Amino acid sequence: MVENRRGNHTVTRLTVHVVWVTKYRYHVLKGEVQKRCRTLLIQICDSEDIRILKGVVSKDHVHMLLEYPPSKSLSDIVKRLKGRTSRLLQQEYPELEKRYWGKHLWAIGYGAWSTGNISEQMVAEYLEHHRPVSNNDVDTFMLE
C-alpha cells in the first residue's frame, strides 16, 4: 500500500528515481566497496528522513527510487548522498583515493525522474475538469 507522509498541514508522497555514475565510468563499485557504498547510502537516507523504495549499486553507477519530505530539495539530497559516500569510501579504500587523485569519486551531475501514482494525462484531465468557466478563453495553463 502507498504510504503518504503526513505533516501538520501537509500530506505528500514525493518520489523520484535518481541515477549517478562514477567518474570516467570506472568499474570501482565491486566487492567490499559495493557493499560499503550500499551501507553508507542506507545510513545517509535514514539520517535524512529519506525512504529508499528500491535501489541498486552497480559496478559503475547507482540507481535509487526515493521518497523524501517536502522540506528537502532533490539537489541537496543528491549532494549529500554523493558527497558523503565519495569522502568516506575514499578514506576507507586507499585504492580509490589513488585512482581518483582529485578526490572526486562521482561524475558531475545526476539524472532524476519524478514518479508517482498518476500519469500526466490524469492530471491534465483533472485540471480540465476543475477549470472555472470564466477561464475558458485563456490558454495560459492549458496547452497541449
Protein backbone atom coordinates (compact mmCIF):
# COMPACT_ATOMS: atom_id res chain seq x y z
CA MET A 1 0.00 0.00 0.00
CA VAL A 2 1.12 3.55 -0.76
CA GLU A 3 2.06 5.41 2.40
CA ASN A 4 1.70 9.18 2.42
CA ARG A 5 3.93 11.36 4.52
CA ARG A 6 1.89 13.50 6.90
CA GLY A 7 2.88 16.82 8.42
CA ASN A 8 0.92 19.36 10.46
CA HIS A 9 -0.60 20.93 7.36
CA THR A 10 0.51 18.65 4.54
CA VAL A 11 0.01 15.24 3.03
CA THR A 12 2.72 14.34 0.50
CA ARG A 13 4.27 11.50 -1.41
CA LEU A 14 7.29 12.85 -3.27
CA THR A 15 9.12 10.08 -5.11
CA VAL A 16 11.99 10.29 -7.54
CA HIS A 17 14.22 7.92 -9.49
CA VAL A 18 17.82 9.15 -9.22
CA VAL A 19 20.88 7.86 -11.09
CA TRP A 20 24.53 8.92 -10.90
CA VAL A 21 27.75 7.40 -12.23
CA THR A 22 31.35 7.01 -11.16
CA LYS A 23 33.84 9.41 -12.70
CA TYR A 24 35.02 8.10 -16.08
CA ARG A 25 32.52 5.23 -15.59
CA TYR A 26 35.29 3.21 -13.95
CA HIS A 27 34.07 -0.12 -12.57
CA VAL A 28 35.13 0.53 -8.98
CA LEU A 29 31.94 -0.41 -7.13
CA LYS A 30 32.74 -4.11 -6.73
CA GLY A 31 33.05 -6.47 -3.79
CA GLU A 32 33.53 -4.79 -0.42
CA VAL A 33 33.42 -1.28 -1.92
CA GLN A 34 29.99 -2.02 -3.41
CA LYS A 35 28.67 -3.39 -0.10
CA ARG A 36 30.06 -0.45 1.86
CA CYS A 37 28.57 2.03 -0.63
CA ARG A 38 25.16 0.41 -0.16
CA THR A 39 25.51 0.54 3.64
CA LEU A 40 26.52 4.21 3.53
CA LEU A 41 23.60 5.14 1.29
CA ILE A 42 21.18 3.43 3.69
CA GLN A 43 22.72 5.23 6.69
CA ILE A 44 22.59 8.62 4.98
CA CYS A 45 18.96 8.17 3.93
CA ASP A 46 18.00 7.06 7.44
CA SER A 47 19.64 10.13 8.97
CA GLU A 48 17.97 12.47 6.44
CA ASP A 49 14.42 11.01 6.82
CA ILE A 50 14.50 9.68 3.24
CA ARG A 51 12.93 6.32 2.41
CA ILE A 52 14.63 4.03 -0.08
CA LEU A 53 11.86 2.30 -2.01
CA LYS A 54 14.29 0.43 -4.30
CA GLY A 55 17.94 0.73 -5.11
CA VAL A 56 20.83 -0.84 -6.99
CA VAL A 57 24.56 -0.24 -6.63
CA SER A 58 26.12 -1.39 -9.91
CA LYS A 59 29.81 -1.57 -10.77
CA ASP A 60 29.84 1.98 -12.21
CA HIS A 61 26.57 3.67 -11.20
CA VAL A 62 23.83 3.90 -8.57
CA HIS A 63 20.05 3.78 -9.12
CA MET A 64 17.72 4.76 -6.28
CA LEU A 65 13.97 5.19 -6.02
CA LEU A 66 13.49 7.57 -3.09
CA GLU A 67 10.58 9.05 -1.15
CA TYR A 68 11.52 12.28 0.60
CA PRO A 69 9.96 15.03 2.75
CA PRO A 70 8.86 18.30 1.15
CA SER A 71 11.32 20.20 3.36
CA LYS A 72 14.24 18.77 1.39
CA SER A 73 15.30 19.69 -2.14
CA LEU A 74 16.35 16.98 -4.55
CA SER A 75 19.65 18.71 -5.33
CA ASP A 76 20.56 18.80 -1.63
CA ILE A 77 19.65 15.13 -1.23
CA VAL A 78 21.88 14.08 -4.14
CA LYS A 79 24.67 16.38 -2.95
CA ARG A 80 24.65 14.69 0.46
CA LEU A 81 24.47 11.17 -0.98
CA LYS A 82 27.29 11.70 -3.46
CA GLY A 83 29.46 13.85 -1.20
CA ARG A 84 29.39 11.67 1.89
CA THR A 85 29.81 8.38 0.03
CA SER A 86 32.70 9.77 -2.01
CA ARG A 87 34.54 11.08 1.03
CA LEU A 88 34.01 8.01 3.21
CA LEU A 89 34.71 5.42 0.51
CA GLN A 90 37.98 7.13 -0.43
CA GLN A 91 39.02 7.33 3.23
CA GLU A 92 38.28 3.64 3.79
CA TYR A 93 39.65 2.26 0.50
CA PRO A 94 43.08 3.68 -0.42
CA GLU A 95 42.90 2.19 -3.93
CA LEU A 96 40.01 4.57 -4.69
CA GLU A 97 41.96 7.54 -3.40
CA LYS A 98 44.85 6.62 -5.74
CA ARG A 99 42.58 6.21 -8.77
CA TYR A 100 40.63 9.40 -8.05
CA TRP A 101 43.50 11.63 -7.03
CA GLY A 102 41.28 14.74 -7.38
CA LYS A 103 39.03 13.47 -4.55
CA HIS A 104 36.02 13.08 -6.88
CA LEU A 105 34.61 9.54 -6.97
CA TRP A 106 31.40 10.50 -8.78
CA ALA A 107 30.99 12.19 -12.14
CA ILE A 108 29.47 15.66 -12.22
CA GLY A 109 25.68 15.69 -12.30
CA TYR A 110 22.92 13.13 -11.98
CA GLY A 111 19.69 12.03 -13.64
CA ALA A 112 16.34 12.41 -11.87
CA TRP A 113 12.83 11.46 -12.92
CA SER A 114 9.74 12.07 -10.84
CA THR A 115 7.47 9.10 -10.27
CA GLY A 116 4.04 8.69 -8.81
CA ASN A 117 0.65 7.08 -8.79
CA ILE A 118 -0.91 9.10 -11.60
CA SER A 119 0.02 9.95 -15.17
CA GLU A 120 0.36 13.37 -16.76
CA GLN A 121 -2.82 12.66 -18.72
CA MET A 122 -4.74 12.07 -15.47
CA VAL A 123 -3.50 15.39 -14.06
CA ALA A 124 -4.46 17.23 -17.27
CA GLU A 125 -7.96 15.71 -17.19
CA TYR A 126 -8.35 16.65 -13.51
CA LEU A 127 -7.27 20.24 -14.19
CA GLU A 128 -9.54 20.49 -17.23
CA HIS A 129 -12.48 19.24 -15.17
CA HIS A 130 -11.83 21.81 -12.40
CA ARG A 131 -11.08 24.81 -14.58
CA PRO A 132 -13.51 27.69 -13.87
CA VAL A 133 -15.91 28.63 -16.68
CA SER A 134 -14.50 32.18 -16.73
CA ASN A 135 -11.09 30.83 -17.80
CA ASN A 136 -12.36 29.02 -20.91
CA ASP A 137 -10.86 31.61 -23.25
CA VAL A 138 -7.46 31.73 -21.59
CA ASP A 139 -4.96 29.07 -22.73
CA THR A 140 -2.20 30.13 -20.38
CA PHE A 141 -2.19 26.96 -18.33
CA MET A 142 -3.95 24.56 -20.69
CA LEU A 143 -1.52 23.97 -23.55
CA GLU A 144 -1.33 20.62 -25.27
